[in-house]
Amino acid sequence: MIAIDKFELENGLRVVVNKDTTTPVATINLLYDVGARDEDENKTGFAHLFEHLMFGGSVNIPNYDIELQKAGGENNAFTSNNITNYYITLPRQNLETAFWLESDRMLELDFSQEKLKIQQNVVIEEYKQRYLNQPYGDIWLLLRPIAYKVHPYKWATIGKDISHIENATLEDVKDFFYRFYAPNNAVLVVAGNVETREIEDLSNKWFGTIERRKVAVRSLPEEPHKTSAECKEVQKDVPFDAIYKSYHMCSRLDTDFYGYDLLSDILSNGKSSRLYETLVKRKKLFSEINAYITGDHDPGLFIISGKLIKGVKMQVAADAIEKELNKLKTDLVLEYELQKVKNKIESIQIFSEISILNKAINLAMHELLGDAKNINKEVERYRQVDNHQLLRIANKMFRPENSATLYYKSVN
């Protein structure tokens, strides 16, 4: 069991404390409840842009990295369609430095046209290198718009179009900052050999004076139920043909979420999984094939992706995938097979708690979704899934009209 204390500041900042006496370092993780889904469709990529802008200096601290390095710390951040997350790991005795750094950039960034231009160029270059000039890099730019028609999950975290970042103004980014980067829109987690009382004092000292901001209530359009299969075919300069198939599934908070996750593992977790055993090893249709879930806060996607062996026809490969999925709709998963993937998930959960950073990130996610203490219930929720639930989920999900497929063809 992970030890958890919680409290909330008057300005709405939620704080979670995990006392871990086994480590000489401490981690501070600051999660903001803003992601690509919160963007204007005509101004996308802003959440990701802010991941970069937040390292460009705040009102009182011109160079974030230099100050952190003086304290022996390391930091990074990531953005998704759901959240933006920042974290610092540093020696326990220098913990207050992390509070100073994170609170000052929550208070106010050092907004300037020069710094905005620098980060715009960084993101534009990333867009080109990772999404446009890398083999298969544009998958999410192509698949999301055919999987979603209404919900803002229809664009990738990097943005819908590169021009949105190119045309971002200083006023645009200031408005985005003050709408979402607020104490009442964040979760702070501190993990390490710390006392809750100490963290209360530090939180009030460094974050307590930051005023609550007006954060709009999230009201996103609900994606309608699909009534027909969606397909798109593209030709690109890539080594092999590939298939990317998506099915709509439930949200992260749905009780069926754990069943969907286990189904993805049954299909592709390891070399004894169904897709690898049948389509890679025995039938030799794919060189690699994977199944995974996006795990989104709103109803997300169940993805199957695979690269075909040279000479295999696309339709033959697609039909083979369908055949494997249909087995899950007609036959109960055997108990030993279900127990095997449950054991793997349980071991992953246990090992993830060894890393103080992973633990802090997971606690922040659980607190955002309702209660950090739910992290101690995860393993039991996977254990409770049975093969009848998997059969029901498979029949609900693996319907042609619930799918969107991208056929990614090589020009060679």
Protein backbone atom coordinates (compact mmCIF):
# COMPACT_ATOMS: atom_id res chain seq x y z
CA MET A 1 0.00 0.00 0.00
CA ILE A 2 1.23 3.47 -0.89
CA ALA A 3 1.05 5.92 2.03
CA ILE A 4 -0.98 8.98 1.03
CA ASP A 5 -1.87 12.25 2.74
CA LYS A 6 -3.87 15.00 1.06
CA PHE A 7 -4.87 18.59 1.66
CA GLU A 8 -6.07 21.59 -0.34
CA LEU A 9 -4.94 25.21 -0.21
CA GLU A 10 -7.44 28.08 -0.03
CA ASN A 11 -6.69 28.93 -3.67
CA GLY A 12 -7.80 25.46 -4.79
CA LEU A 13 -4.42 23.77 -5.28
CA ARG A 14 -4.74 20.08 -4.42
CA VAL A 15 -1.64 18.64 -2.73
CA VAL A 16 -0.81 14.94 -2.31
CA VAL A 17 2.04 13.71 -0.10
CA ASN A 18 3.70 10.30 -0.23
CA LYS A 19 6.24 9.63 2.52
CA ASP A 20 8.90 7.24 1.24
CA THR A 21 11.80 6.67 3.64
CA THR A 22 13.71 4.42 1.24
CA THR A 23 15.09 7.16 -1.00
CA PRO A 24 17.48 10.11 -0.54
CA VAL A 25 15.79 12.10 -3.31
CA ALA A 26 12.41 13.78 -3.56
CA THR A 27 10.10 14.32 -6.50
CA ILE A 28 7.69 17.17 -7.00
CA ASN A 29 5.13 16.62 -9.74
CA LEU A 30 2.81 19.38 -10.90
CA LEU A 31 -0.06 18.31 -13.13
CA TYR A 32 -2.24 20.88 -14.90
CA ASP A 33 -5.72 19.84 -15.97
CA VAL A 34 -5.28 21.05 -19.54
CA GLY A 35 -4.44 19.17 -22.70
CA ALA A 36 -4.98 19.33 -26.43
CA ARG A 37 -8.71 18.61 -25.98
CA ASP A 38 -9.09 22.05 -24.33
CA GLU A 39 -7.82 23.97 -27.34
CA ASP A 40 -9.72 26.02 -29.90
CA GLU A 41 -9.96 23.97 -33.11
CA ASN A 42 -8.46 26.92 -35.00
CA LYS A 43 -5.63 27.37 -32.49
CA THR A 44 -4.33 23.88 -31.73
CA GLY A 45 -0.97 22.78 -30.35
CA PHE A 46 -1.05 25.38 -27.55
CA ALA A 47 -0.89 22.89 -24.66
CA HIS A 48 2.25 21.39 -26.18
CA LEU A 49 3.68 24.84 -26.92
CA PHE A 50 3.27 25.70 -23.24
CA GLU A 51 5.25 22.64 -22.23
CA HIS A 52 8.16 24.45 -23.93
CA LEU A 53 7.29 28.00 -22.86
CA MET A 54 7.24 27.01 -19.19
CA PHE A 55 11.01 26.39 -19.37
CA GLY A 56 11.70 29.79 -20.90
CA GLY A 57 11.86 31.70 -17.62
CA SER A 58 9.32 33.14 -15.21
CA VAL A 59 8.78 36.64 -13.88
CA ASN A 60 11.41 36.32 -11.11
CA ILE A 61 13.60 33.49 -12.46
CA PRO A 62 15.15 34.21 -15.89
CA ASN A 63 16.79 30.79 -16.29
CA TYR A 64 14.90 27.85 -14.81
CA ASP A 65 17.45 25.15 -15.71
CA ILE A 66 20.47 26.90 -14.21
CA GLU A 67 18.76 27.33 -10.84
CA LEU A 68 17.64 23.70 -10.82
CA GLN A 69 21.10 22.41 -11.75
CA LYS A 70 22.60 24.36 -8.84
CA ALA A 71 20.35 22.29 -6.57
CA GLY A 72 21.41 19.02 -8.23
CA GLY A 73 17.99 18.49 -9.79
CA GLU A 74 16.61 17.06 -13.02
CA ASN A 75 13.33 17.92 -14.69
CA ASN A 76 11.14 17.25 -17.66
CA ALA A 77 7.55 17.50 -18.82
CA PHE A 78 5.01 15.90 -21.14
CA THR A 79 1.73 16.85 -22.73
CA SER A 80 -1.16 14.68 -23.85
CA ASN A 81 -4.65 15.27 -25.16
CA ASN A 82 -5.79 15.26 -21.53
CA ILE A 83 -3.12 16.83 -19.31
CA THR A 84 0.16 18.74 -19.09
CA ASN A 85 2.64 17.44 -16.52
CA TYR A 86 5.88 18.85 -15.08
CA TYR A 87 8.24 17.09 -12.68
CA ILE A 88 11.47 17.63 -10.77
CA THR A 89 13.66 15.10 -8.96
CA LEU A 90 16.36 16.47 -6.67
CA PRO A 91 18.16 15.74 -3.37
CA ARG A 92 15.74 15.73 -0.45
CA GLN A 93 17.52 18.58 1.32
CA ASN A 94 17.01 20.89 -1.68
CA LEU A 95 13.27 20.28 -1.98
CA GLU A 96 12.35 23.92 -1.35
CA THR A 97 14.14 24.93 -4.55
CA ALA A 98 11.57 22.92 -6.51
CA PHE A 99 8.71 24.72 -4.72
CA TRP A 100 10.31 28.07 -5.56
CA LEU A 101 10.76 27.21 -9.24
CA GLU A 102 7.32 25.69 -9.84
CA SER A 103 5.39 28.33 -7.93
CA ASP A 104 7.08 31.22 -9.74
CA ARG A 105 6.20 29.94 -13.18
CA MET A 106 2.65 29.23 -12.07
CA LEU A 107 2.50 32.83 -10.88
CA GLU A 108 3.56 34.36 -14.19
CA LEU A 109 5.80 33.50 -17.10
CA ASP A 110 8.29 35.95 -18.56
CA PHE A 111 6.18 36.65 -21.63
CA SER A 112 8.05 38.27 -24.50
CA GLN A 113 7.86 38.18 -28.27
CA GLU A 114 11.46 36.98 -28.44
CA LYS A 115 10.88 33.97 -26.15
CA LEU A 116 7.66 33.07 -27.91
CA LYS A 117 9.45 33.09 -31.28
CA ILE A 118 12.21 30.83 -29.96
CA GLN A 119 9.74 28.22 -28.69
CA GLN A 120 7.58 28.48 -31.81
CA ASN A 121 10.64 27.58 -33.88
CA VAL A 122 11.46 24.67 -31.55
CA VAL A 123 7.93 23.23 -31.82
CA ILE A 124 7.74 23.80 -35.59
CA GLU A 125 11.05 21.95 -36.02
CA GLU A 126 9.77 19.12 -33.79
CA TYR A 127 6.59 18.96 -35.88
CA LYS A 128 8.63 18.57 -39.06
CA GLN A 129 11.17 16.10 -37.69
CA ARG A 130 8.90 13.80 -35.68
CA TYR A 131 5.63 13.97 -37.60
CA LEU A 132 6.37 14.93 -41.21
CA ASN A 133 9.89 13.71 -41.99
CA GLN A 134 9.96 10.46 -40.03
CA PRO A 135 8.61 7.18 -41.44
CA TYR A 136 5.09 6.56 -40.08
CA GLY A 137 5.43 9.76 -38.02
CA ASP A 138 2.16 11.24 -39.25
CA ILE A 139 0.01 8.30 -38.14
CA TRP A 140 -1.90 10.25 -35.48
CA LEU A 141 -2.31 13.24 -37.78
CA LEU A 142 -4.08 10.90 -40.22
CA LEU A 143 -5.89 8.43 -37.94
CA ARG A 144 -7.45 10.79 -35.40
CA PRO A 145 -9.56 12.75 -37.93
CA ILE A 146 -11.13 9.56 -39.27
CA ALA A 147 -11.67 8.09 -35.80
CA TYR A 148 -13.25 11.27 -34.36
CA LYS A 149 -15.63 13.65 -36.11
CA VAL A 150 -16.73 15.92 -33.26
CA HIS A 151 -14.65 15.46 -30.11
CA PRO A 152 -11.34 17.41 -29.93
CA TYR A 153 -9.45 14.14 -29.73
CA LYS A 154 -9.63 14.45 -33.52
CA TRP A 155 -6.32 16.35 -33.49
CA ALA A 156 -2.95 15.25 -32.15
CA THR A 157 -1.20 16.89 -29.21
CA ILE A 158 1.32 18.53 -31.54
CA GLY A 159 -1.58 20.34 -33.22
CA LYS A 160 -3.94 20.01 -36.14
CA ASP A 161 -1.84 22.14 -38.48
CA ILE A 162 1.63 23.62 -38.22
CA SER A 163 0.25 27.04 -39.14
CA HIS A 164 -1.59 27.24 -35.80
CA ILE A 165 1.74 27.45 -33.94
CA GLU A 166 3.35 29.63 -36.62
CA ASN A 167 0.53 32.19 -36.26
CA ALA A 168 0.26 32.15 -32.45
CA THR A 169 0.42 35.66 -30.98
CA LEU A 170 1.65 36.83 -27.61
CA GLU A 171 -1.93 37.63 -26.64
CA ASP A 172 -3.01 34.12 -27.63
CA VAL A 173 -0.49 32.47 -25.32
CA LYS A 174 -1.12 34.88 -22.44
CA ASP A 175 -4.82 34.13 -22.66
CA PHE A 176 -4.16 30.37 -22.68
CA PHE A 177 -1.86 30.66 -19.66
CA TYR A 178 -4.25 32.61 -17.46
CA ARG A 179 -7.21 30.40 -18.39
CA PHE A 180 -5.56 27.10 -17.51
CA TYR A 181 -2.33 27.51 -15.53
CA ALA A 182 -3.91 28.16 -12.17
CA PRO A 183 -3.67 26.70 -8.66
CA ASN A 184 -7.32 25.69 -8.84
CA ASN A 185 -6.59 23.76 -12.06
CA ALA A 186 -3.59 21.79 -10.79
CA VAL A 187 -2.50 18.87 -8.62
CA LEU A 188 0.81 18.98 -6.76
CA VAL A 189 2.37 15.71 -5.60
CA VAL A 190 5.45 15.50 -3.35
CA ALA A 191 7.06 12.10 -2.84
CA GLY A 192 10.12 11.33 -0.75
CA ASN A 193 11.28 11.15 2.86
CA VAL A 194 9.08 14.09 3.83
CA GLU A 195 6.55 14.97 6.50
CA THR A 196 3.08 16.18 5.61
CA ARG A 197 3.34 19.15 7.96
CA GLU A 198 6.52 20.30 6.23
CA ILE A 199 4.84 20.06 2.82
CA GLU A 200 1.85 22.02 4.10
CA ASP A 201 4.18 24.79 5.23
CA LEU A 202 6.11 24.85 1.95
CA SER A 203 2.93 24.72 -0.13
CA ASN A 204 1.39 27.65 1.71
CA LYS A 205 4.64 29.62 1.61
CA TRP A 206 5.25 29.26 -2.12
CA PHE A 207 1.84 28.59 -3.69
CA GLY A 208 -0.60 29.97 -1.13
CA THR A 209 -0.36 33.59 -2.28
CA ILE A 210 -1.10 32.80 -5.95
CA GLU A 211 -4.67 33.87 -6.60
CA ARG A 212 -7.35 31.48 -7.79
CA ARG A 213 -8.08 32.09 -11.47
CA LYS A 214 -11.24 31.82 -13.53
CA VAL A 215 -11.07 28.40 -15.16
CA ALA A 216 -13.92 27.68 -17.54
CA VAL A 217 -15.98 24.56 -16.85
CA ARG A 218 -15.01 21.97 -19.45
CA SER A 219 -17.85 21.36 -21.90
CA LEU A 220 -16.71 19.22 -24.81
CA PRO A 221 -18.87 17.84 -27.60
CA GLU A 222 -19.67 14.17 -27.16
CA GLU A 223 -18.56 11.93 -30.00
CA PRO A 224 -21.66 10.28 -31.52
CA HIS A 225 -21.83 6.51 -31.80
CA LYS A 226 -20.33 5.34 -35.07
CA THR A 227 -22.77 3.85 -37.55
CA SER A 228 -20.36 2.95 -40.36
CA ALA A 229 -16.76 1.90 -40.77
CA GLU A 230 -14.28 4.62 -41.72
CA CYS A 231 -11.28 3.90 -43.95
CA LYS A 232 -8.46 5.91 -45.43
CA GLU A 233 -5.62 4.86 -47.69
CA VAL A 234 -2.36 6.77 -48.11
CA GLN A 235 0.88 6.10 -49.97
CA LYS A 236 4.14 7.18 -48.37
CA ASP A 237 7.87 6.68 -48.74
CA VAL A 238 8.16 4.04 -46.01
CA PRO A 239 9.81 0.59 -46.00
CA PHE A 240 6.68 -1.54 -45.46
CA ASP A 241 2.91 -1.43 -45.75
CA ALA A 242 1.17 -0.97 -42.42
CA ILE A 243 -2.33 -1.15 -40.95
CA TYR A 244 -3.61 1.08 -38.14
CA LYS A 245 -7.03 0.08 -36.90
CA SER A 246 -8.96 1.86 -34.15
CA TYR A 247 -12.14 0.99 -32.26
CA HIS A 248 -13.99 3.33 -29.93
CA MET A 249 -13.94 2.25 -26.29
CA CYS A 250 -14.88 3.64 -22.87
CA SER A 251 -13.33 6.43 -20.80
CA ARG A 252 -10.63 5.98 -18.17
CA LEU A 253 -13.20 6.15 -15.35
CA ASP A 254 -15.56 3.55 -16.78
CA THR A 255 -15.67 0.28 -14.82
CA ASP A 256 -15.05 -1.61 -18.09
CA PHE A 257 -11.72 0.16 -18.63
CA TYR A 258 -9.79 -2.65 -16.93
CA GLY A 259 -11.36 -5.22 -19.22
CA TYR A 260 -10.37 -3.29 -22.34
CA ASP A 261 -6.82 -3.01 -21.04
CA LEU A 262 -6.63 -6.76 -20.40
CA LEU A 263 -8.01 -7.49 -23.87
CA SER A 264 -5.18 -5.47 -25.43
CA ASP A 265 -2.66 -7.52 -23.45
CA ILE A 266 -4.26 -10.81 -24.45
CA LEU A 267 -3.88 -9.76 -28.07
CA SER A 268 -0.31 -8.46 -28.01
CA ASN A 269 1.57 -8.50 -24.71
CA GLY A 270 4.64 -10.59 -25.46
CA LYS A 271 5.60 -13.33 -27.88
CA SER A 272 3.02 -15.75 -26.51
CA SER A 273 0.17 -13.30 -27.20
CA ARG A 274 -2.48 -14.12 -29.77
CA LEU A 275 -1.57 -11.67 -32.53
CA TYR A 276 2.15 -12.40 -32.35
CA GLU A 277 1.72 -16.15 -32.10
CA THR A 278 -0.71 -16.38 -35.03
CA LEU A 279 0.02 -13.48 -37.39
CA VAL A 280 3.76 -13.03 -36.90
CA LYS A 281 5.10 -16.44 -35.94
CA ARG A 282 2.74 -18.93 -37.61
CA LYS A 283 1.17 -17.17 -40.60
CA LYS A 284 4.09 -14.78 -41.21
CA LEU A 285 1.85 -11.91 -42.32
CA PHE A 286 3.33 -9.20 -40.09
CA SER A 287 6.86 -8.40 -38.95
CA GLU A 288 5.38 -6.74 -35.87
CA ILE A 289 1.88 -6.15 -34.53
CA ASN A 290 0.58 -4.46 -31.40
CA ALA A 291 -2.68 -3.78 -29.60
CA TYR A 292 -3.01 -1.02 -26.99
CA ILE A 293 -5.44 1.51 -25.57
CA THR A 294 -5.09 5.28 -25.47
CA GLY A 295 -6.40 5.42 -21.88
CA ASP A 296 -8.03 8.81 -22.46
CA HIS A 297 -10.09 10.61 -19.84
CA ASP A 298 -13.01 10.83 -22.28
CA PRO A 299 -14.01 7.78 -24.37
CA GLY A 300 -10.82 6.73 -26.13
CA LEU A 301 -9.50 4.29 -28.69
CA PHE A 302 -8.42 0.65 -28.81
CA ILE A 303 -5.63 0.50 -31.40
CA ILE A 304 -4.24 -2.38 -33.44
CA SER A 305 -1.17 -1.54 -35.52
CA GLY A 306 1.05 -3.75 -37.59
CA LYS A 307 3.73 -3.67 -40.29
CA LEU A 308 3.23 -6.21 -43.07
CA ILE A 309 5.82 -8.62 -44.41
CA LYS A 310 6.93 -7.61 -47.91
CA GLY A 311 4.61 -9.12 -50.52
CA VAL A 312 1.61 -9.71 -48.21
CA LYS A 313 -1.56 -8.16 -49.60
CA MET A 314 -3.24 -5.54 -47.43
CA GLN A 315 -6.65 -7.21 -47.55
CA VAL A 316 -5.21 -10.59 -46.53
CA ALA A 317 -3.56 -8.97 -43.50
CA ALA A 318 -6.70 -7.03 -42.58
CA ASP A 319 -8.86 -10.17 -42.82
CA ALA A 320 -6.43 -12.04 -40.58
CA ILE A 321 -6.75 -9.37 -37.89
CA GLU A 322 -10.55 -9.55 -38.13
CA LYS A 323 -10.44 -13.32 -37.71
CA GLU A 324 -8.47 -13.01 -34.47
CA LEU A 325 -10.83 -10.35 -33.11
CA ASN A 326 -13.87 -12.45 -33.97
CA LYS A 327 -12.50 -15.28 -31.81
CA LEU A 328 -12.78 -12.95 -28.80
CA LYS A 329 -16.44 -12.35 -29.73
CA THR A 330 -17.37 -16.02 -29.87
CA ASP A 331 -15.15 -17.90 -27.42
CA LEU A 332 -14.46 -17.25 -23.75
CA VAL A 333 -10.85 -16.43 -22.97
CA LEU A 334 -9.36 -19.38 -21.11
CA GLU A 335 -8.75 -18.86 -17.41
CA TYR A 336 -5.00 -19.49 -17.61
CA GLU A 337 -4.65 -16.93 -20.43
CA LEU A 338 -6.56 -14.30 -18.48
CA GLN A 339 -4.60 -15.01 -15.31
CA LYS A 340 -1.32 -14.69 -17.21
CA VAL A 341 -2.05 -11.11 -18.33
CA LYS A 342 -3.41 -10.21 -14.90
CA ASN A 343 -0.14 -11.39 -13.34
CA LYS A 344 1.86 -9.26 -15.78
CA ILE A 345 -0.17 -6.16 -14.99
CA GLU A 346 0.16 -6.76 -11.26
CA SER A 347 3.94 -7.08 -11.53
CA ILE A 348 4.12 -3.90 -13.63
CA GLN A 349 2.09 -2.06 -10.99
CA ILE A 350 4.38 -3.25 -8.21
CA PHE A 351 7.60 -2.40 -10.07
CA SER A 352 6.26 1.03 -11.07
CA GLU A 353 5.99 1.91 -7.38
CA ILE A 354 9.74 1.42 -6.95
CA SER A 355 10.41 4.55 -8.99
CA ILE A 356 9.57 7.60 -6.90
CA LEU A 357 8.98 9.60 -10.09
CA ASN A 358 6.54 7.09 -11.59
CA LYS A 359 4.73 6.93 -8.26
CA ALA A 360 4.38 10.73 -8.09
CA ILE A 361 3.05 10.93 -11.65
CA ASN A 362 0.54 8.13 -11.04
CA LEU A 363 -0.66 9.72 -7.80
CA ALA A 364 -1.26 13.02 -9.61
CA MET A 365 -3.24 11.25 -12.34
CA HIS A 366 -5.42 9.42 -9.82
CA GLU A 367 -6.07 12.59 -7.85
CA LEU A 368 -7.10 14.41 -11.01
CA LEU A 369 -9.46 11.56 -11.88
CA GLY A 370 -11.06 11.60 -8.44
CA ASP A 371 -8.86 10.44 -5.58
CA ALA A 372 -5.13 9.68 -5.30
CA LYS A 373 -5.97 6.85 -2.90
CA ASN A 374 -7.52 4.90 -5.77
CA ILE A 375 -4.00 3.97 -6.81
CA ASN A 376 -4.14 1.30 -4.08
CA LYS A 377 -7.25 -0.22 -5.67
CA GLU A 378 -5.91 -0.67 -9.21
CA VAL A 379 -4.61 -4.23 -8.88
CA GLU A 380 -7.88 -5.44 -7.32
CA ARG A 381 -9.90 -3.88 -10.13
CA TYR A 382 -7.90 -5.86 -12.69
CA ARG A 383 -8.31 -9.02 -10.60
CA GLN A 384 -12.10 -8.65 -10.65
CA VAL A 385 -12.35 -8.83 -14.46
CA ASP A 386 -13.64 -12.21 -15.66
CA ASN A 387 -13.82 -13.84 -19.08
CA HIS A 388 -17.57 -13.20 -19.44
CA GLN A 389 -16.91 -9.47 -19.11
CA LEU A 390 -14.25 -9.74 -21.82
CA LEU A 391 -16.68 -11.53 -24.13
CA ARG A 392 -19.26 -8.78 -23.62
CA ILE A 393 -16.71 -6.02 -24.23
CA ALA A 394 -15.36 -7.69 -27.36
CA ASN A 395 -18.86 -7.97 -28.86
CA LYS A 396 -19.57 -4.35 -28.00
CA MET A 397 -16.33 -3.03 -29.44
CA PHE A 398 -15.14 -5.19 -32.32
CA ARG A 399 -17.92 -4.27 -34.73
CA PRO A 400 -17.02 -3.04 -38.25
CA GLU A 401 -19.20 0.06 -37.84
CA ASN A 402 -17.24 0.97 -34.68
CA SER A 403 -13.90 1.04 -36.50
CA ALA A 404 -11.65 3.48 -38.32
CA THR A 405 -8.80 2.04 -40.38
CA LEU A 406 -5.77 3.63 -41.96
CA TYR A 407 -4.11 1.64 -44.73
CA TYR A 408 -0.57 2.99 -44.91
CA LYS A 409 0.99 1.82 -48.17
CA SER A 410 4.63 1.91 -49.20
CA VAL A 411 5.39 3.44 -52.60
CA ASN A 412 8.34 1.04 -52.99
